Amino acid sequence: MKIESGTLLFIGDSITDAGRARPVGEDKGLGGGYPSQVNTLLGATYPERKIRVLNTGISGNTIRNLKSRWQKDVIDLKPDWLSIMIGTNDVWRQFAGTNNLDSVFPEEFVKTYTELLLQTKPLVKGITLLTPFYVEPDRDQPMRKRMDEYGKLVRQLAKEHGCRFGDTQAAYDNALKSMAFGALAGDKVHPSPTGHMVLSRVFLKTVDYRW
């Protein structure tokens, strides 16, 4: 999925949102996270391609929320390439003591994700699926174990639907060999600038970016 001239859209939850502008983040309004970093790197490396980067991430979103706004925040924007990272809130709400009606369990997660992919694949040149993650070194910790399950679901969805796949959890696990989790994400979910660059590198690898 080599990105040429066209529009690249990022959608997801707070990790993607990162304080972006409304209604659509672009240029200086991309927020302080990985979409902005990717925009900077693509612009600096491939200025002749004039790649337009957009951000429609919204804090707190689950895959259920993405479905409710998919037409407006994806289809209507007519992206050439799409990156999706979702699942953190779907898992977190299972552990947060909130009403389970707010949680999205695996069956609904896969069903809804599949519907969105089938709707969108014919309209774009390529889709990247990024796993949700939890910056927790103990793989037996309950939320980390559950997040890994959702990561496997995303991997399988990417395989079944011919999407590019980025394993963000594996990238954080590698970084945790040399860094404390606080340097990557103080609350284990919302990345620091360095943590966002880990995500940027994962995404860029899926689109064959050459450093």
N, C-alpha and C. Protein backbone atom coordinates (compact mmCIF):
# COMPACT_ATOMS: atom_id res chain seq x y z
N MET A 1 0.84 -1.19 0.00
CA MET A 1 0.00 0.00 0.00
C MET A 1 0.87 1.24 0.00
N LYS A 2 1.58 1.46 -1.05
CA LYS A 2 2.41 2.65 -1.17
C LYS A 2 1.54 3.87 -1.37
N ILE A 3 1.68 4.86 -0.50
CA ILE A 3 0.84 6.05 -0.57
C ILE A 3 1.41 7.04 -1.58
N GLU A 4 0.61 7.33 -2.59
CA GLU A 4 0.95 8.36 -3.57
C GLU A 4 0.09 9.59 -3.26
N SER A 5 -0.06 10.47 -4.24
CA SER A 5 -0.87 11.67 -4.03
C SER A 5 -2.30 11.26 -3.69
N GLY A 6 -2.89 11.96 -2.74
CA GLY A 6 -4.25 11.64 -2.33
C GLY A 6 -4.45 11.95 -0.86
N THR A 7 -5.55 11.44 -0.32
CA THR A 7 -5.94 11.74 1.05
C THR A 7 -5.82 10.50 1.95
N LEU A 8 -5.15 10.69 3.07
CA LEU A 8 -4.98 9.66 4.09
C LEU A 8 -5.78 10.08 5.31
N LEU A 9 -6.70 9.22 5.75
CA LEU A 9 -7.56 9.53 6.89
C LEU A 9 -7.27 8.60 8.06
N PHE A 10 -7.10 9.18 9.25
CA PHE A 10 -6.94 8.42 10.48
C PHE A 10 -8.23 8.53 11.29
N ILE A 11 -8.73 7.39 11.79
CA ILE A 11 -9.90 7.40 12.66
C ILE A 11 -9.65 6.47 13.83
N GLY A 12 -10.22 6.82 14.98
CA GLY A 12 -10.03 6.01 16.18
C GLY A 12 -10.58 6.71 17.40
N ASP A 13 -9.95 6.46 18.55
CA ASP A 13 -10.42 7.03 19.82
C ASP A 13 -9.50 8.16 20.26
N SER A 14 -9.33 8.35 21.57
CA SER A 14 -8.54 9.47 22.08
C SER A 14 -7.08 9.41 21.66
N ILE A 15 -6.58 8.21 21.46
CA ILE A 15 -5.18 8.06 21.07
C ILE A 15 -4.95 8.69 19.70
N THR A 16 -5.93 8.55 18.82
CA THR A 16 -5.87 9.17 17.50
C THR A 16 -6.28 10.63 17.57
N ASP A 17 -7.31 10.92 18.34
CA ASP A 17 -7.82 12.29 18.50
C ASP A 17 -6.70 13.24 18.90
N ALA A 18 -6.09 12.99 20.06
CA ALA A 18 -4.92 13.75 20.53
C ALA A 18 -5.10 15.26 20.43
N GLY A 19 -6.34 15.73 20.70
CA GLY A 19 -6.60 17.16 20.71
C GLY A 19 -6.76 17.78 19.34
N ARG A 20 -7.20 17.02 18.36
CA ARG A 20 -7.36 17.53 16.99
C ARG A 20 -8.43 18.60 16.92
N ALA A 21 -8.44 19.34 15.80
CA ALA A 21 -9.46 20.34 15.55
C ALA A 21 -10.76 19.68 15.12
N ARG A 22 -11.87 20.38 15.28
CA ARG A 22 -13.18 19.94 14.83
C ARG A 22 -13.65 20.84 13.69
N PRO A 23 -14.45 20.32 12.77
CA PRO A 23 -14.99 18.96 12.71
C PRO A 23 -14.01 17.92 12.17
N VAL A 24 -13.01 18.36 11.40
CA VAL A 24 -12.01 17.45 10.84
C VAL A 24 -10.63 18.04 11.08
N GLY A 25 -9.73 17.24 11.64
CA GLY A 25 -8.37 17.71 11.86
C GLY A 25 -7.54 17.65 10.60
N GLU A 26 -6.84 18.74 10.32
CA GLU A 26 -5.98 18.81 9.14
C GLU A 26 -4.89 19.84 9.40
N ASP A 27 -3.72 19.66 8.80
CA ASP A 27 -2.60 20.59 8.95
C ASP A 27 -2.28 20.82 10.43
N LYS A 28 -2.34 22.07 10.90
CA LYS A 28 -2.03 22.35 12.29
C LYS A 28 -3.09 21.83 13.24
N GLY A 29 -4.21 21.41 12.71
CA GLY A 29 -5.30 20.90 13.53
C GLY A 29 -5.33 19.40 13.65
N LEU A 30 -4.24 18.73 13.30
CA LEU A 30 -4.20 17.26 13.37
C LEU A 30 -4.07 16.73 14.79
N GLY A 31 -3.77 17.61 15.74
CA GLY A 31 -3.59 17.17 17.12
C GLY A 31 -2.13 16.89 17.43
N GLY A 32 -1.88 16.44 18.66
CA GLY A 32 -0.51 16.25 19.10
C GLY A 32 -0.03 14.82 19.06
N GLY A 33 -0.66 13.97 18.25
CA GLY A 33 -0.32 12.57 18.25
C GLY A 33 0.26 12.04 16.96
N TYR A 34 0.13 10.75 16.76
CA TYR A 34 0.77 10.09 15.63
C TYR A 34 0.27 10.56 14.26
N PRO A 35 -1.02 10.95 14.09
CA PRO A 35 -1.40 11.46 12.77
C PRO A 35 -0.59 12.70 12.36
N SER A 36 -0.34 13.58 13.32
CA SER A 36 0.47 14.77 13.03
C SER A 36 1.91 14.38 12.72
N GLN A 37 2.46 13.44 13.47
CA GLN A 37 3.83 12.99 13.21
C GLN A 37 3.94 12.35 11.83
N VAL A 38 2.96 11.52 11.47
CA VAL A 38 2.97 10.89 10.15
C VAL A 38 2.88 11.95 9.06
N ASN A 39 2.02 12.94 9.26
CA ASN A 39 1.89 14.03 8.29
C ASN A 39 3.22 14.74 8.08
N THR A 40 3.92 15.02 9.18
CA THR A 40 5.21 15.71 9.10
C THR A 40 6.24 14.88 8.36
N LEU A 41 6.30 13.60 8.68
CA LEU A 41 7.29 12.72 8.04
C LEU A 41 6.99 12.50 6.56
N LEU A 42 5.72 12.31 6.22
CA LEU A 42 5.37 12.14 4.81
C LEU A 42 5.65 13.41 4.02
N GLY A 43 5.32 14.56 4.61
CA GLY A 43 5.55 15.83 3.93
C GLY A 43 7.03 16.12 3.73
N ALA A 44 7.84 15.77 4.74
CA ALA A 44 9.27 16.04 4.64
C ALA A 44 9.97 15.08 3.68
N THR A 45 9.47 13.84 3.61
CA THR A 45 10.13 12.82 2.80
C THR A 45 9.62 12.80 1.36
N TYR A 46 8.32 13.02 1.21
CA TYR A 46 7.70 12.93 -0.13
C TYR A 46 6.89 14.19 -0.44
N PRO A 47 7.51 15.37 -0.45
CA PRO A 47 6.74 16.60 -0.69
C PRO A 47 6.06 16.62 -2.04
N GLU A 48 6.66 15.96 -3.02
CA GLU A 48 6.09 15.97 -4.37
C GLU A 48 4.77 15.21 -4.46
N ARG A 49 4.47 14.35 -3.48
CA ARG A 49 3.23 13.57 -3.53
C ARG A 49 2.02 14.35 -3.03
N LYS A 50 2.26 15.42 -2.28
CA LYS A 50 1.18 16.28 -1.80
C LYS A 50 0.08 15.45 -1.11
N ILE A 51 0.50 14.64 -0.15
CA ILE A 51 -0.43 13.78 0.57
C ILE A 51 -1.19 14.62 1.60
N ARG A 52 -2.50 14.56 1.53
CA ARG A 52 -3.37 15.27 2.47
C ARG A 52 -3.73 14.33 3.61
N VAL A 53 -3.45 14.74 4.84
CA VAL A 53 -3.72 13.90 6.00
C VAL A 53 -4.86 14.51 6.81
N LEU A 54 -5.85 13.68 7.15
CA LEU A 54 -7.00 14.09 7.94
C LEU A 54 -7.11 13.23 9.19
N ASN A 55 -7.71 13.79 10.24
CA ASN A 55 -7.88 13.08 11.51
C ASN A 55 -9.31 13.26 11.99
N THR A 56 -10.04 12.14 12.16
CA THR A 56 -11.39 12.19 12.73
C THR A 56 -11.52 11.32 13.97
N GLY A 57 -10.42 11.12 14.69
CA GLY A 57 -10.48 10.39 15.95
C GLY A 57 -11.31 11.16 16.98
N ILE A 58 -12.02 10.44 17.85
CA ILE A 58 -12.80 11.06 18.92
C ILE A 58 -12.56 10.30 20.22
N SER A 59 -12.20 11.06 21.25
CA SER A 59 -11.92 10.48 22.56
C SER A 59 -13.12 9.70 23.08
N GLY A 60 -12.84 8.53 23.65
CA GLY A 60 -13.87 7.71 24.26
C GLY A 60 -14.57 6.76 23.32
N ASN A 61 -14.25 6.82 22.04
CA ASN A 61 -14.97 6.00 21.06
C ASN A 61 -14.68 4.51 21.18
N THR A 62 -15.69 3.72 20.88
CA THR A 62 -15.57 2.28 20.67
C THR A 62 -15.90 2.02 19.20
N ILE A 63 -15.80 0.77 18.78
CA ILE A 63 -16.17 0.42 17.41
C ILE A 63 -17.64 0.75 17.16
N ARG A 64 -18.46 0.67 18.20
CA ARG A 64 -19.88 1.01 18.08
C ARG A 64 -20.05 2.49 17.72
N ASN A 65 -19.25 3.34 18.35
CA ASN A 65 -19.30 4.77 18.04
C ASN A 65 -18.82 5.06 16.62
N LEU A 66 -17.78 4.35 16.20
CA LEU A 66 -17.30 4.55 14.82
C LEU A 66 -18.42 4.25 13.82
N LYS A 67 -19.15 3.18 14.06
CA LYS A 67 -20.23 2.82 13.14
C LYS A 67 -21.25 3.94 13.03
N SER A 68 -21.58 4.57 14.15
CA SER A 68 -22.62 5.59 14.16
C SER A 68 -22.23 6.85 13.38
N ARG A 69 -20.92 7.07 13.19
CA ARG A 69 -20.47 8.27 12.49
C ARG A 69 -19.66 7.96 11.23
N TRP A 70 -19.68 6.73 10.80
CA TRP A 70 -18.82 6.30 9.70
C TRP A 70 -19.11 7.05 8.40
N GLN A 71 -20.38 7.24 8.10
CA GLN A 71 -20.73 7.93 6.85
C GLN A 71 -20.15 9.33 6.83
N LYS A 72 -20.36 10.08 7.91
CA LYS A 72 -19.93 11.48 7.96
C LYS A 72 -18.41 11.60 8.08
N ASP A 73 -17.81 10.78 8.91
CA ASP A 73 -16.40 10.96 9.26
C ASP A 73 -15.43 10.09 8.47
N VAL A 74 -15.96 9.24 7.59
CA VAL A 74 -15.10 8.47 6.69
C VAL A 74 -15.60 8.56 5.25
N ILE A 75 -16.75 8.00 4.97
CA ILE A 75 -17.23 7.89 3.59
C ILE A 75 -17.36 9.25 2.92
N ASP A 76 -17.99 10.20 3.60
CA ASP A 76 -18.22 11.52 3.00
C ASP A 76 -16.92 12.28 2.73
N LEU A 77 -15.85 11.94 3.44
CA LEU A 77 -14.56 12.63 3.25
C LEU A 77 -13.76 12.04 2.09
N LYS A 78 -14.22 10.92 1.54
CA LYS A 78 -13.65 10.30 0.35
C LYS A 78 -12.12 10.11 0.43
N PRO A 79 -11.64 9.43 1.46
CA PRO A 79 -10.19 9.19 1.55
C PRO A 79 -9.74 8.18 0.50
N ASP A 80 -8.47 8.29 0.13
CA ASP A 80 -7.85 7.27 -0.73
C ASP A 80 -7.30 6.14 0.10
N TRP A 81 -6.83 6.49 1.30
CA TRP A 81 -6.27 5.50 2.23
C TRP A 81 -6.87 5.75 3.60
N LEU A 82 -7.05 4.68 4.35
CA LEU A 82 -7.68 4.78 5.67
C LEU A 82 -6.88 3.99 6.69
N SER A 83 -6.71 4.57 7.87
CA SER A 83 -6.08 3.89 9.00
C SER A 83 -7.07 3.86 10.15
N ILE A 84 -7.30 2.67 10.71
CA ILE A 84 -8.23 2.50 11.82
C ILE A 84 -7.48 1.92 13.02
N MET A 85 -7.62 2.59 14.17
CA MET A 85 -7.13 2.01 15.42
C MET A 85 -8.23 2.17 16.46
N ILE A 86 -8.84 1.06 16.84
CA ILE A 86 -9.96 1.09 17.78
C ILE A 86 -9.92 -0.18 18.62
N GLY A 87 -10.51 -0.11 19.81
CA GLY A 87 -10.57 -1.27 20.68
C GLY A 87 -10.20 -0.99 22.13
N THR A 88 -9.47 0.08 22.36
CA THR A 88 -9.02 0.37 23.73
C THR A 88 -10.20 0.58 24.66
N ASN A 89 -11.17 1.41 24.26
CA ASN A 89 -12.33 1.66 25.12
C ASN A 89 -13.26 0.45 25.17
N ASP A 90 -13.32 -0.29 24.07
CA ASP A 90 -14.14 -1.51 24.05
C ASP A 90 -13.69 -2.44 25.16
N VAL A 91 -12.37 -2.52 25.39
CA VAL A 91 -11.81 -3.36 26.44
C VAL A 91 -11.86 -2.67 27.79
N TRP A 92 -11.41 -1.42 27.85
CA TRP A 92 -11.27 -0.71 29.12
C TRP A 92 -12.59 -0.68 29.89
N ARG A 93 -13.69 -0.50 29.18
CA ARG A 93 -14.98 -0.40 29.87
C ARG A 93 -15.42 -1.72 30.49
N GLN A 94 -14.78 -2.79 30.10
CA GLN A 94 -15.06 -4.08 30.74
C GLN A 94 -14.41 -4.18 32.12
N PHE A 95 -13.47 -3.26 32.39
CA PHE A 95 -12.72 -3.28 33.64
C PHE A 95 -12.94 -2.02 34.48
N ALA A 96 -13.70 -1.06 33.97
CA ALA A 96 -13.78 0.25 34.61
C ALA A 96 -14.93 0.39 35.59
N GLY A 97 -15.69 -0.70 35.81
CA GLY A 97 -16.79 -0.62 36.75
C GLY A 97 -17.99 0.12 36.19
N THR A 98 -17.99 0.36 34.86
CA THR A 98 -19.13 1.02 34.24
C THR A 98 -20.17 -0.02 33.84
N ASN A 99 -21.31 0.44 33.41
CA ASN A 99 -22.36 -0.46 32.94
C ASN A 99 -21.86 -1.26 31.75
N ASN A 100 -22.02 -2.56 31.79
CA ASN A 100 -21.55 -3.40 30.69
C ASN A 100 -22.22 -3.09 29.37
N LEU A 101 -23.32 -2.33 29.41
CA LEU A 101 -23.95 -1.92 28.17
C LEU A 101 -23.02 -1.01 27.37
N ASP A 102 -22.05 -0.38 28.05
CA ASP A 102 -21.09 0.49 27.37
C ASP A 102 -19.91 -0.29 26.80
N SER A 103 -19.77 -1.54 27.21
CA SER A 103 -18.66 -2.36 26.74
C SER A 103 -19.01 -2.99 25.40
N VAL A 104 -17.99 -3.26 24.61
CA VAL A 104 -18.18 -3.95 23.33
C VAL A 104 -17.40 -5.26 23.41
N PHE A 105 -18.12 -6.36 23.47
CA PHE A 105 -17.48 -7.66 23.60
C PHE A 105 -17.11 -8.22 22.23
N PRO A 106 -16.27 -9.26 22.21
CA PRO A 106 -15.67 -9.70 20.95
C PRO A 106 -16.63 -9.95 19.79
N GLU A 107 -17.77 -10.58 20.04
CA GLU A 107 -18.68 -10.89 18.94
C GLU A 107 -19.17 -9.62 18.23
N GLU A 108 -19.58 -8.63 19.03
CA GLU A 108 -20.03 -7.36 18.43
C GLU A 108 -18.87 -6.62 17.79
N PHE A 109 -17.71 -6.67 18.43
CA PHE A 109 -16.53 -5.99 17.90
C PHE A 109 -16.21 -6.49 16.50
N VAL A 110 -16.15 -7.80 16.32
CA VAL A 110 -15.82 -8.38 15.02
C VAL A 110 -16.93 -8.11 14.01
N LYS A 111 -18.17 -8.28 14.42
CA LYS A 111 -19.30 -8.07 13.51
C LYS A 111 -19.34 -6.64 12.99
N THR A 112 -19.19 -5.68 13.89
CA THR A 112 -19.26 -4.28 13.49
C THR A 112 -18.05 -3.88 12.65
N TYR A 113 -16.88 -4.32 13.05
CA TYR A 113 -15.65 -4.03 12.30
C TYR A 113 -15.78 -4.58 10.87
N THR A 114 -16.30 -5.80 10.77
CA THR A 114 -16.47 -6.43 9.46
C THR A 114 -17.41 -5.62 8.58
N GLU A 115 -18.51 -5.16 9.15
CA GLU A 115 -19.46 -4.35 8.39
C GLU A 115 -18.80 -3.08 7.84
N LEU A 116 -18.00 -2.43 8.66
CA LEU A 116 -17.34 -1.20 8.23
C LEU A 116 -16.32 -1.47 7.13
N LEU A 117 -15.58 -2.56 7.26
CA LEU A 117 -14.58 -2.89 6.25
C LEU A 117 -15.24 -3.25 4.92
N LEU A 118 -16.30 -4.02 4.96
CA LEU A 118 -16.98 -4.40 3.72
C LEU A 118 -17.58 -3.18 3.02
N GLN A 119 -18.06 -2.23 3.81
CA GLN A 119 -18.63 -1.01 3.24
C GLN A 119 -17.57 -0.14 2.59
N THR A 120 -16.37 -0.14 3.16
CA THR A 120 -15.35 0.84 2.79
C THR A 120 -14.34 0.34 1.78
N LYS A 121 -14.03 -0.94 1.79
CA LYS A 121 -12.97 -1.46 0.91
C LYS A 121 -13.14 -1.09 -0.55
N PRO A 122 -14.35 -1.14 -1.13
CA PRO A 122 -14.48 -0.80 -2.55
C PRO A 122 -14.25 0.68 -2.86
N LEU A 123 -14.20 1.52 -1.83
CA LEU A 123 -14.14 2.96 -2.02
C LEU A 123 -12.74 3.55 -1.86
N VAL A 124 -11.79 2.74 -1.37
CA VAL A 124 -10.45 3.25 -1.07
C VAL A 124 -9.38 2.40 -1.73
N LYS A 125 -8.17 2.94 -1.77
CA LYS A 125 -7.04 2.21 -2.35
C LYS A 125 -6.40 1.26 -1.35
N GLY A 126 -6.55 1.53 -0.07
CA GLY A 126 -5.94 0.66 0.92
C GLY A 126 -6.37 1.03 2.33
N ILE A 127 -6.40 0.03 3.21
CA ILE A 127 -6.78 0.22 4.61
C ILE A 127 -5.72 -0.43 5.50
N THR A 128 -5.33 0.29 6.53
CA THR A 128 -4.43 -0.24 7.56
C THR A 128 -5.22 -0.42 8.85
N LEU A 129 -5.10 -1.58 9.46
CA LEU A 129 -5.69 -1.83 10.77
C LEU A 129 -4.58 -1.89 11.81
N LEU A 130 -4.69 -1.05 12.83
CA LEU A 130 -3.72 -1.01 13.93
C LEU A 130 -4.37 -1.61 15.17
N THR A 131 -3.64 -2.44 15.88
CA THR A 131 -4.20 -3.06 17.08
C THR A 131 -4.38 -2.04 18.19
N PRO A 132 -5.36 -2.28 19.07
CA PRO A 132 -5.36 -1.55 20.34
C PRO A 132 -4.21 -2.06 21.18
N PHE A 133 -3.86 -1.35 22.22
CA PHE A 133 -2.70 -1.74 23.03
C PHE A 133 -2.91 -1.32 24.48
N TYR A 134 -2.09 -1.89 25.34
CA TYR A 134 -2.02 -1.49 26.74
C TYR A 134 -0.55 -1.57 27.12
N VAL A 135 0.04 -0.46 27.50
CA VAL A 135 1.48 -0.41 27.75
C VAL A 135 1.76 -0.97 29.15
N GLU A 136 1.59 -2.26 29.24
CA GLU A 136 1.74 -3.02 30.49
C GLU A 136 2.64 -4.21 30.21
N PRO A 137 3.80 -4.27 30.89
CA PRO A 137 4.75 -5.35 30.60
C PRO A 137 4.29 -6.73 31.07
N ASP A 138 3.39 -6.78 32.06
CA ASP A 138 2.92 -8.06 32.58
C ASP A 138 1.80 -8.58 31.68
N ARG A 139 2.11 -9.56 30.86
CA ARG A 139 1.12 -10.07 29.90
C ARG A 139 0.01 -10.86 30.57
N ASP A 140 0.16 -11.19 31.85
CA ASP A 140 -0.89 -11.89 32.58
C ASP A 140 -1.83 -10.94 33.32
N GLN A 141 -1.50 -9.66 33.30
CA GLN A 141 -2.40 -8.68 33.90
C GLN A 141 -3.73 -8.72 33.13
N PRO A 142 -4.88 -8.75 33.81
CA PRO A 142 -6.16 -9.02 33.16
C PRO A 142 -6.50 -8.11 31.98
N MET A 143 -6.30 -6.80 32.13
CA MET A 143 -6.64 -5.92 31.02
C MET A 143 -5.68 -6.12 29.86
N ARG A 144 -4.41 -6.35 30.17
CA ARG A 144 -3.43 -6.62 29.11
C ARG A 144 -3.81 -7.90 28.36
N LYS A 145 -4.20 -8.94 29.07
CA LYS A 145 -4.59 -10.19 28.42
C LYS A 145 -5.79 -9.98 27.51
N ARG A 146 -6.76 -9.21 27.99
CA ARG A 146 -7.94 -8.95 27.18
C ARG A 146 -7.60 -8.11 25.95
N MET A 147 -6.72 -7.14 26.12
CA MET A 147 -6.32 -6.31 24.98
C MET A 147 -5.62 -7.15 23.93
N ASP A 148 -4.81 -8.10 24.38
CA ASP A 148 -4.14 -8.99 23.43
C ASP A 148 -5.15 -9.81 22.63
N GLU A 149 -6.24 -10.20 23.28
CA GLU A 149 -7.29 -10.94 22.57
C GLU A 149 -7.87 -10.08 21.44
N TYR A 150 -8.12 -8.82 21.73
CA TYR A 150 -8.67 -7.93 20.71
C TYR A 150 -7.64 -7.65 19.61
N GLY A 151 -6.39 -7.61 19.98
CA GLY A 151 -5.34 -7.46 18.98
C GLY A 151 -5.33 -8.63 18.01
N LYS A 152 -5.55 -9.82 18.53
CA LYS A 152 -5.62 -11.01 17.66
C LYS A 152 -6.83 -10.94 16.73
N LEU A 153 -7.93 -10.40 17.23
CA LEU A 153 -9.12 -10.23 16.40
C LEU A 153 -8.83 -9.27 15.25
N VAL A 154 -8.12 -8.20 15.54
CA VAL A 154 -7.79 -7.23 14.51
C VAL A 154 -6.85 -7.85 13.48
N ARG A 155 -5.89 -8.62 13.94
CA ARG A 155 -4.98 -9.31 13.02
C ARG A 155 -5.77 -10.22 12.07
N GLN A 156 -6.74 -10.96 12.62
CA GLN A 156 -7.53 -11.87 11.80
C GLN A 156 -8.40 -11.10 10.81
N LEU A 157 -8.96 -9.98 11.24
CA LEU A 157 -9.76 -9.15 10.35
C LEU A 157 -8.92 -8.63 9.18
N ALA A 158 -7.71 -8.20 9.49
CA ALA A 158 -6.82 -7.70 8.44
C ALA A 158 -6.52 -8.80 7.43
N LYS A 159 -6.28 -10.00 7.92
CA LYS A 159 -5.98 -11.13 7.04
C LYS A 159 -7.18 -11.47 6.16
N GLU A 160 -8.36 -11.52 6.76
CA GLU A 160 -9.57 -11.91 6.04
C GLU A 160 -9.98 -10.89 4.98
N HIS A 161 -9.67 -9.62 5.23
CA HIS A 161 -10.16 -8.57 4.34
C HIS A 161 -9.06 -7.90 3.52
N GLY A 162 -7.88 -8.47 3.54
CA GLY A 162 -6.81 -7.95 2.70
C GLY A 162 -6.34 -6.57 3.08
N CYS A 163 -6.33 -6.27 4.37
CA CYS A 163 -5.87 -4.97 4.86
C CYS A 163 -4.43 -5.07 5.35
N ARG A 164 -3.73 -3.95 5.31
CA ARG A 164 -2.43 -3.90 5.96
C ARG A 164 -2.63 -3.96 7.47
N PHE A 165 -1.65 -4.51 8.19
CA PHE A 165 -1.79 -4.73 9.61
C PHE A 165 -0.59 -4.18 10.36
N GLY A 166 -0.86 -3.47 11.45
CA GLY A 166 0.20 -2.94 12.29
C GLY A 166 0.02 -3.37 13.73
N ASP A 167 1.00 -4.07 14.28
CA ASP A 167 0.92 -4.59 15.65
C ASP A 167 1.54 -3.58 16.60
N THR A 168 0.72 -2.68 17.11
CA THR A 168 1.23 -1.64 18.00
C THR A 168 1.66 -2.23 19.34
N GLN A 169 0.97 -3.27 19.81
CA GLN A 169 1.34 -3.88 21.09
C GLN A 169 2.73 -4.47 21.02
N ALA A 170 3.05 -5.15 19.93
CA ALA A 170 4.39 -5.73 19.78
C ALA A 170 5.45 -4.64 19.79
N ALA A 171 5.14 -3.49 19.18
CA ALA A 171 6.11 -2.39 19.14
C ALA A 171 6.34 -1.82 20.54
N TYR A 172 5.27 -1.67 21.31
CA TYR A 172 5.44 -1.20 22.68
C TYR A 172 6.18 -2.23 23.54
N ASP A 173 5.88 -3.49 23.34
CA ASP A 173 6.58 -4.53 24.10
C ASP A 173 8.08 -4.47 23.84
N ASN A 174 8.44 -4.20 22.60
CA ASN A 174 9.86 -4.08 22.27
C ASN A 174 10.47 -2.87 22.96
N ALA A 175 9.74 -1.74 22.95
CA ALA A 175 10.26 -0.53 23.60
C ALA A 175 10.38 -0.73 25.11
N LEU A 176 9.46 -1.50 25.69
CA LEU A 176 9.48 -1.73 27.14
C LEU A 176 10.69 -2.53 27.60
N LYS A 177 11.41 -3.15 26.68
CA LYS A 177 12.63 -3.85 27.04
C LYS A 177 13.71 -2.88 27.50
N SER A 178 13.60 -1.62 27.04
CA SER A 178 14.64 -0.64 27.34
C SER A 178 14.11 0.60 28.08
N MET A 179 12.78 0.74 28.17
CA MET A 179 12.19 1.94 28.75
C MET A 179 11.12 1.56 29.76
N ALA A 180 10.92 2.43 30.75
CA ALA A 180 9.80 2.27 31.67
C ALA A 180 8.51 2.66 30.96
N PHE A 181 7.40 2.07 31.38
CA PHE A 181 6.14 2.36 30.69
C PHE A 181 5.79 3.85 30.75
N GLY A 182 6.19 4.52 31.84
CA GLY A 182 5.87 5.93 31.99
C GLY A 182 6.47 6.82 30.92
N ALA A 183 7.57 6.39 30.33
CA ALA A 183 8.19 7.17 29.26
C ALA A 183 7.42 7.03 27.95
N LEU A 184 6.58 6.01 27.87
CA LEU A 184 5.80 5.75 26.66
C LEU A 184 4.35 6.17 26.79
N ALA A 185 3.78 5.93 27.97
CA ALA A 185 2.38 6.30 28.24
C ALA A 185 2.17 6.27 29.74
N GLY A 186 2.10 7.42 30.35
CA GLY A 186 2.04 7.50 31.81
C GLY A 186 0.89 6.73 32.43
N ASP A 187 -0.26 6.71 31.74
CA ASP A 187 -1.41 5.97 32.24
C ASP A 187 -1.58 4.63 31.53
N LYS A 188 -0.56 4.25 30.76
CA LYS A 188 -0.50 2.99 30.02
C LYS A 188 -1.41 2.97 28.79
N VAL A 189 -2.08 4.08 28.52
CA VAL A 189 -2.99 4.16 27.37
C VAL A 189 -2.68 5.34 26.47
N HIS A 190 -2.54 6.53 27.05
CA HIS A 190 -2.35 7.74 26.25
C HIS A 190 -0.85 8.03 26.10
N PRO A 191 -0.34 7.93 24.88
CA PRO A 191 1.11 7.98 24.67
C PRO A 191 1.73 9.36 24.91
N SER A 192 2.97 9.33 25.32
CA SER A 192 3.83 10.51 25.32
C SER A 192 4.25 10.78 23.87
N PRO A 193 4.95 11.89 23.59
CA PRO A 193 5.46 12.09 22.23
C PRO A 193 6.27 10.90 21.72
N THR A 194 7.10 10.33 22.61
CA THR A 194 7.87 9.15 22.20
C THR A 194 6.94 7.98 21.92
N GLY A 195 5.94 7.81 22.78
CA GLY A 195 4.97 6.74 22.57
C GLY A 195 4.22 6.90 21.26
N HIS A 196 3.88 8.13 20.91
CA HIS A 196 3.21 8.37 19.63
C HIS A 196 4.14 8.06 18.46
N MET A 197 5.42 8.32 18.63
CA MET A 197 6.34 8.00 17.54
C MET A 197 6.45 6.49 17.34
N VAL A 198 6.29 5.73 18.40
CA VAL A 198 6.22 4.27 18.25
C VAL A 198 5.05 3.93 17.33
N LEU A 199 3.89 4.55 17.55
CA LEU A 199 2.73 4.30 16.70
C LEU A 199 2.98 4.76 15.27
N SER A 200 3.61 5.91 15.12
CA SER A 200 3.91 6.44 13.78
C SER A 200 4.76 5.46 13.00
N ARG A 201 5.76 4.92 13.64
CA ARG A 201 6.65 3.96 12.96
C ARG A 201 5.90 2.69 12.56
N VAL A 202 5.00 2.24 13.43
CA VAL A 202 4.21 1.05 13.09
C VAL A 202 3.37 1.34 11.86
N PHE A 203 2.66 2.46 11.86
CA PHE A 203 1.82 2.78 10.70
C PHE A 203 2.66 2.93 9.43
N LEU A 204 3.73 3.68 9.51
CA LEU A 204 4.54 3.94 8.32
C LEU A 204 5.11 2.67 7.72
N LYS A 205 5.42 1.70 8.57
CA LYS A 205 5.91 0.42 8.08
C LYS A 205 4.84 -0.25 7.22
N THR A 206 3.56 -0.10 7.58
CA THR A 206 2.50 -0.77 6.82
C THR A 206 2.32 -0.16 5.45
N VAL A 207 2.78 1.06 5.24
CA VAL A 207 2.63 1.70 3.93
C VAL A 207 3.98 1.79 3.20
N ASP A 208 4.93 0.98 3.63
CA ASP A 208 6.23 0.87 2.96
C ASP A 208 7.00 2.19 2.93
N TYR A 209 6.88 2.95 4.00
CA TYR A 209 7.63 4.20 4.10
C TYR A 209 9.12 3.89 4.21
N ARG A 210 9.92 4.67 3.52
CA ARG A 210 11.36 4.52 3.58
C ARG A 210 11.97 5.69 4.34
N TRP A 211 12.60 5.39 5.47
CA TRP A 211 13.17 6.44 6.32
C TRP A 211 14.38 7.05 5.63
